[in-house]
Amino acid sequence: MTDRRGYRGIVGTGAILNNRDRRFAYTFPQSANNYGRKRGCVCFFDLRGVSDADLRGDGGALDKYYFLNPEHCADNPIFLVLGRAHHADLIPWTAGNPGEARIPFVEAWYQGRVELATIESVLDVRVERSR
């Protein structure tokens, strides 16, 4: 997931780049201590196989981290969906040191840069807040 500016950069580069060298502003403050960022990985939200309780339940991923529409996206997040052929390349959220930041149940990492050719689809979403 990214915002419009990030998406333009991804298209211009032809890849999603990792942020190991901290060249990009952090989307979330815990990114400074993120397992994947420190190892040169691109962070993904992996919703495959996540139980409803782990996603929406008390203390679930959506309860703690509203990643589906963070404030920096101004109600217009853009989701890049990794192709199925590359799912096996994802490193699960359980990897690494438990003291490093990660979003339980849903965060995963892809080592190195993610070429646009590995992206299956792009969803440009408009979120309308309830009144």
Protein backbone atom coordinates (compact mmCIF):
# COMPACT_ATOMS: atom_id res chain seq x y z
CA MET A 1 0.00 0.00 0.00
CA THR A 2 1.22 3.46 -0.84
CA ASP A 3 -0.03 6.95 -1.59
CA ARG A 4 -0.17 8.67 -4.99
CA ARG A 5 3.28 10.20 -4.68
CA GLY A 6 4.79 6.85 -3.71
CA TYR A 7 3.03 5.12 -6.57
CA ARG A 8 4.41 7.64 -9.08
CA GLY A 9 7.89 6.89 -7.74
CA ILE A 10 7.32 3.13 -8.02
CA VAL A 11 6.17 3.46 -11.63
CA GLY A 12 9.08 5.76 -12.47
CA THR A 13 11.60 3.35 -10.95
CA GLY A 14 9.90 0.22 -12.23
CA ALA A 15 10.08 -1.36 -8.81
CA ILE A 16 9.12 -1.06 -5.16
CA LEU A 17 12.38 -0.26 -3.41
CA ASN A 18 13.27 -1.20 0.15
CA ASN A 19 14.04 1.49 2.70
CA ARG A 20 17.09 0.00 4.38
CA ASP A 21 19.05 3.20 3.83
CA ARG A 22 16.13 5.35 5.14
CA ARG A 23 15.87 7.38 1.92
CA PHE A 24 12.05 7.46 2.18
CA ALA A 25 9.97 8.96 4.96
CA TYR A 26 8.44 6.38 7.26
CA THR A 27 4.75 5.59 6.81
CA PHE A 28 4.54 4.37 10.40
CA PRO A 29 6.86 5.52 13.24
CA GLN A 30 7.74 1.93 14.24
CA SER A 31 9.39 1.48 10.83
CA ALA A 32 12.71 2.67 12.30
CA ASN A 33 12.90 -0.64 14.19
CA ASN A 34 11.12 -2.82 11.62
CA TYR A 35 12.54 -6.30 11.00
CA GLY A 36 12.17 -6.07 7.23
CA ARG A 37 13.36 -2.49 6.77
CA LYS A 38 16.57 -3.20 8.66
CA ARG A 39 17.28 -6.21 6.40
CA GLY A 40 16.57 -4.53 3.06
CA CYS A 41 13.10 -5.97 2.57
CA VAL A 42 9.91 -4.44 1.19
CA CYS A 43 7.04 -4.65 3.66
CA PHE A 44 3.73 -6.18 2.61
CA PHE A 45 0.41 -6.82 4.30
CA ASP A 46 -0.27 -10.52 3.83
CA LEU A 47 -3.95 -11.18 4.49
CA ARG A 48 -3.91 -14.76 3.17
CA GLY A 49 -5.00 -17.17 5.85
CA VAL A 50 -5.41 -14.58 8.60
CA SER A 51 -8.27 -15.50 10.90
CA ASP A 52 -11.05 -13.02 11.50
CA ALA A 53 -10.10 -12.91 15.18
CA ASP A 54 -6.46 -12.07 14.38
CA LEU A 55 -7.55 -9.42 11.90
CA ARG A 56 -10.59 -7.82 13.52
CA GLY A 57 -10.85 -9.23 17.04
CA ASP A 58 -9.94 -7.44 20.24
CA GLY A 59 -6.25 -6.73 19.79
CA GLY A 60 -6.29 -7.84 16.14
CA ALA A 61 -4.22 -6.20 13.44
CA LEU A 62 -6.96 -3.77 12.35
CA ASP A 63 -7.62 -2.81 15.96
CA LYS A 64 -4.00 -1.81 16.53
CA TYR A 65 -2.88 -0.66 13.07
CA TYR A 66 -5.38 0.81 10.64
CA PHE A 67 -3.25 0.00 7.61
CA LEU A 68 -6.13 -0.09 5.13
CA ASN A 69 -6.35 3.70 4.99
CA PRO A 70 -3.62 5.46 6.97
CA GLU A 71 -3.86 9.22 7.33
CA HIS A 72 -0.90 9.89 5.02
CA CYS A 73 -2.90 8.57 2.04
CA ALA A 74 -5.57 11.27 2.31
CA ASP A 75 -8.37 8.73 1.79
CA ASN A 76 -6.86 7.48 -1.46
CA PRO A 77 -4.60 4.48 -0.75
CA ILE A 78 -3.17 2.53 -3.65
CA PHE A 79 -2.72 -1.20 -3.11
CA LEU A 80 -0.19 -3.20 -5.11
CA VAL A 81 -0.98 -6.92 -5.08
CA LEU A 82 1.95 -9.30 -5.32
CA GLY A 83 1.49 -12.03 -7.94
CA ARG A 84 0.74 -15.53 -6.64
CA ALA A 85 3.92 -16.91 -8.15
CA HIS A 86 5.87 -14.77 -5.65
CA HIS A 87 3.91 -15.54 -2.47
CA ALA A 88 6.45 -18.23 -1.52
CA ASP A 89 9.13 -15.50 -1.46
CA LEU A 90 7.42 -13.67 1.42
CA ILE A 91 9.08 -13.82 4.82
CA PRO A 92 6.40 -14.25 7.55
CA TRP A 93 5.83 -11.85 10.44
CA THR A 94 7.14 -14.47 12.87
CA ALA A 95 10.71 -14.17 11.53
CA GLY A 96 13.53 -12.47 13.36
CA ASN A 97 13.95 -10.97 16.78
CA PRO A 98 10.72 -10.48 18.76
CA GLY A 99 12.06 -7.09 19.92
CA GLU A 100 11.88 -5.72 16.38
CA ALA A 101 8.75 -3.97 15.13
CA ARG A 102 6.27 -5.98 13.10
CA ILE A 103 2.52 -6.06 12.69
CA PRO A 104 1.39 -9.38 14.13
CA PHE A 105 -0.51 -11.77 11.88
CA VAL A 106 -0.43 -9.59 8.73
CA GLU A 107 3.01 -8.19 8.02
CA ALA A 108 5.38 -10.01 5.68
CA TRP A 109 8.53 -9.03 3.83
CA TYR A 110 10.00 -9.48 0.38
CA GLN A 111 13.81 -9.46 0.25
CA GLY A 112 15.26 -6.72 -1.94
CA ARG A 113 13.34 -4.73 -4.52
CA VAL A 114 10.01 -5.82 -5.96
CA GLU A 115 9.96 -5.46 -9.73
CA LEU A 116 6.67 -4.16 -11.16
CA ALA A 117 6.46 -7.33 -13.24
CA THR A 118 5.80 -9.27 -10.00
CA ILE A 119 2.77 -7.10 -9.20
CA GLU A 120 -0.47 -8.80 -10.25
CA SER A 121 -2.79 -5.83 -9.87
CA VAL A 122 -3.03 -2.26 -8.65
CA LEU A 123 -6.11 -1.07 -6.78
CA ASP A 124 -6.66 2.69 -6.60
CA VAL A 125 -9.13 3.06 -3.74
CA ARG A 126 -11.24 6.02 -2.69
CA VAL A 127 -12.26 5.78 0.98
CA GLU A 128 -15.24 7.78 2.19
CA ARG A 129 -15.37 8.25 5.94
CA SER A 130 -18.69 7.68 7.65
CA ARG A 131 -20.32 10.80 8.98
